[in-house]
Amino acid sequence: VQLVESGGGLVQAGGSLTLSCAASGSTFSIDVMGWYRQGPEKKRELVATITKGSGTTNYADSVQGRFTISRDNAKNLMYLQMNSLKPEDTDVYYCMHADRINRVHYWGQGTQVTVSS
């Protein structure tokens, strides 16, 4: 499975961005997808996840109510709508797809999001 993120950039505080993740390859066994973020000298942290089947979502407390994760299974796309962005949201955002049965995680190359104050 190959993952490619897009949509990052520079935005002012209070603004919005939408990230996209395009998956290719054998995605049949993928059951959970998500977005993570990581800054310099920081641990990679979960932002949001969504199950492929039911679409059940889960959010980090820091983004709850501001970010929305969604997916389009027919097109192998996943999105992260980010509203009311804050400077502390500045990070590299990574797309993740997981095959929990086989215990395999796939990662994209990351896309930079920078929020100016």
Protein backbone atom coordinates (compact mmCIF):
# COMPACT_ATOMS: atom_id res chain seq x y z
CA VAL A 1 0.00 0.00 0.00
CA GLN A 2 1.34 3.40 -0.98
CA LEU A 3 0.01 6.58 0.60
CA VAL A 4 0.41 10.11 -0.70
CA GLU A 5 -0.70 13.15 1.29
CA SER A 6 -1.53 16.54 -0.16
CA GLY A 7 -3.12 19.79 0.90
CA GLY A 8 -0.68 21.09 3.47
CA GLY A 9 0.52 24.67 3.48
CA LEU A 10 0.67 27.94 5.34
CA VAL A 11 -2.46 29.41 6.88
CA GLN A 12 -3.25 32.11 9.41
CA ALA A 13 -4.62 31.25 12.81
CA GLY A 14 -8.36 30.74 12.63
CA GLY A 15 -8.15 29.54 9.06
CA SER A 16 -8.89 26.18 7.47
CA LEU A 17 -7.10 23.54 5.46
CA THR A 18 -8.13 20.19 4.05
CA LEU A 19 -5.61 17.38 3.81
CA SER A 20 -6.07 14.47 1.43
CA CYS A 21 -4.52 11.01 1.43
CA ALA A 22 -4.59 8.88 -1.70
CA ALA A 23 -3.97 5.16 -1.32
CA SER A 24 -2.85 2.79 -4.03
CA GLY A 25 -1.91 -0.85 -4.14
CA SER A 26 -3.62 -3.67 -2.29
CA THR A 27 -5.92 -1.90 0.18
CA PHE A 28 -8.33 -4.82 0.65
CA SER A 29 -7.05 -5.75 4.11
CA ILE A 30 -6.94 -2.19 5.44
CA ASP A 31 -9.46 -1.70 8.23
CA VAL A 32 -8.41 1.45 10.07
CA MET A 33 -7.10 4.72 8.66
CA GLY A 34 -5.93 7.84 10.35
CA TRP A 35 -3.94 11.04 10.58
CA TYR A 36 -0.97 11.59 12.86
CA ARG A 37 1.28 14.58 13.33
CA GLN A 38 4.81 15.17 14.46
CA GLY A 39 6.93 18.23 15.08
CA PRO A 40 10.68 18.61 15.56
CA GLU A 41 11.89 16.64 18.60
CA LYS A 42 8.35 15.53 19.36
CA LYS A 43 6.72 12.11 19.38
CA ARG A 44 4.32 11.32 16.57
CA GLU A 45 0.83 11.76 17.96
CA LEU A 46 -2.58 10.62 16.89
CA VAL A 47 -4.88 13.26 15.43
CA ALA A 48 -7.86 11.21 14.25
CA THR A 49 -8.79 7.75 13.06
CA ILE A 50 -11.66 6.30 11.07
CA THR A 51 -12.64 2.70 10.44
CA LYS A 52 -12.92 1.69 6.82
CA GLY A 53 -16.14 -0.23 7.21
CA SER A 54 -18.44 1.58 9.61
CA GLY A 55 -16.76 4.96 9.47
CA THR A 56 -16.41 5.15 13.25
CA THR A 57 -14.21 8.10 14.16
CA ASN A 58 -11.92 8.95 17.03
CA TYR A 59 -10.21 12.28 17.73
CA ALA A 60 -7.48 13.59 19.94
CA ASP A 61 -8.85 15.93 22.59
CA SER A 62 -6.79 18.78 21.17
CA VAL A 63 -8.61 18.70 17.82
CA GLN A 64 -12.07 17.51 18.86
CA GLY A 65 -14.70 19.84 17.45
CA ARG A 66 -12.27 21.53 15.04
CA PHE A 67 -11.08 18.70 12.79
CA THR A 68 -13.16 16.20 10.83
CA ILE A 69 -11.85 12.97 9.34
CA SER A 70 -13.65 11.29 6.47
CA ARG A 71 -13.06 8.70 3.77
CA ASP A 72 -14.22 7.73 0.32
CA ASN A 73 -13.64 3.99 0.04
CA ALA A 74 -14.61 3.83 -3.62
CA LYS A 75 -11.83 6.26 -4.49
CA ASN A 76 -9.32 5.12 -1.83
CA LEU A 77 -9.21 8.63 -0.44
CA MET A 78 -9.15 9.94 3.10
CA TYR A 79 -9.51 13.54 4.23
CA LEU A 80 -8.85 15.72 7.23
CA GLN A 81 -10.83 18.94 7.33
CA MET A 82 -9.11 21.30 9.74
CA ASN A 83 -10.96 24.39 10.95
CA SER A 84 -10.13 27.05 13.52
CA LEU A 85 -6.46 26.27 13.16
CA LYS A 86 -4.08 27.32 15.91
CA PRO A 87 -0.31 27.89 15.83
CA GLU A 88 0.10 24.78 17.97
CA ASP A 89 -1.37 22.73 15.11
CA THR A 90 1.82 23.40 13.17
CA ASP A 91 3.41 20.02 12.40
CA VAL A 92 4.06 17.51 9.68
CA TYR A 93 0.87 15.51 9.17
CA TYR A 94 1.08 11.84 8.21
CA CYS A 95 -1.52 9.57 6.68
CA MET A 96 -1.70 6.05 8.12
CA HIS A 97 -3.47 2.92 7.02
CA ALA A 98 -3.53 -0.17 9.22
CA ASP A 99 -4.11 -3.85 8.58
CA ARG A 100 -4.78 -4.93 12.13
CA ILE A 101 -5.11 -8.62 11.36
CA ASN A 102 -1.65 -8.81 9.86
CA ARG A 103 -0.33 -6.09 12.20
CA VAL A 104 0.97 -3.91 9.40
CA HIS A 105 0.95 -0.11 9.32
CA TYR A 106 1.57 1.95 6.23
CA TRP A 107 2.62 5.60 6.29
CA GLY A 108 2.72 8.45 3.83
CA GLN A 109 5.66 10.79 3.45
CA GLY A 110 3.98 13.62 5.36
CA THR A 111 2.74 17.07 4.49
CA GLN A 112 3.70 20.24 6.34
CA VAL A 113 1.02 22.37 7.96
CA THR A 114 2.12 25.74 9.29
CA VAL A 115 -0.25 28.03 11.17
CA SER A 116 0.92 31.59 11.69
CA SER A 117 -0.25 33.72 14.60
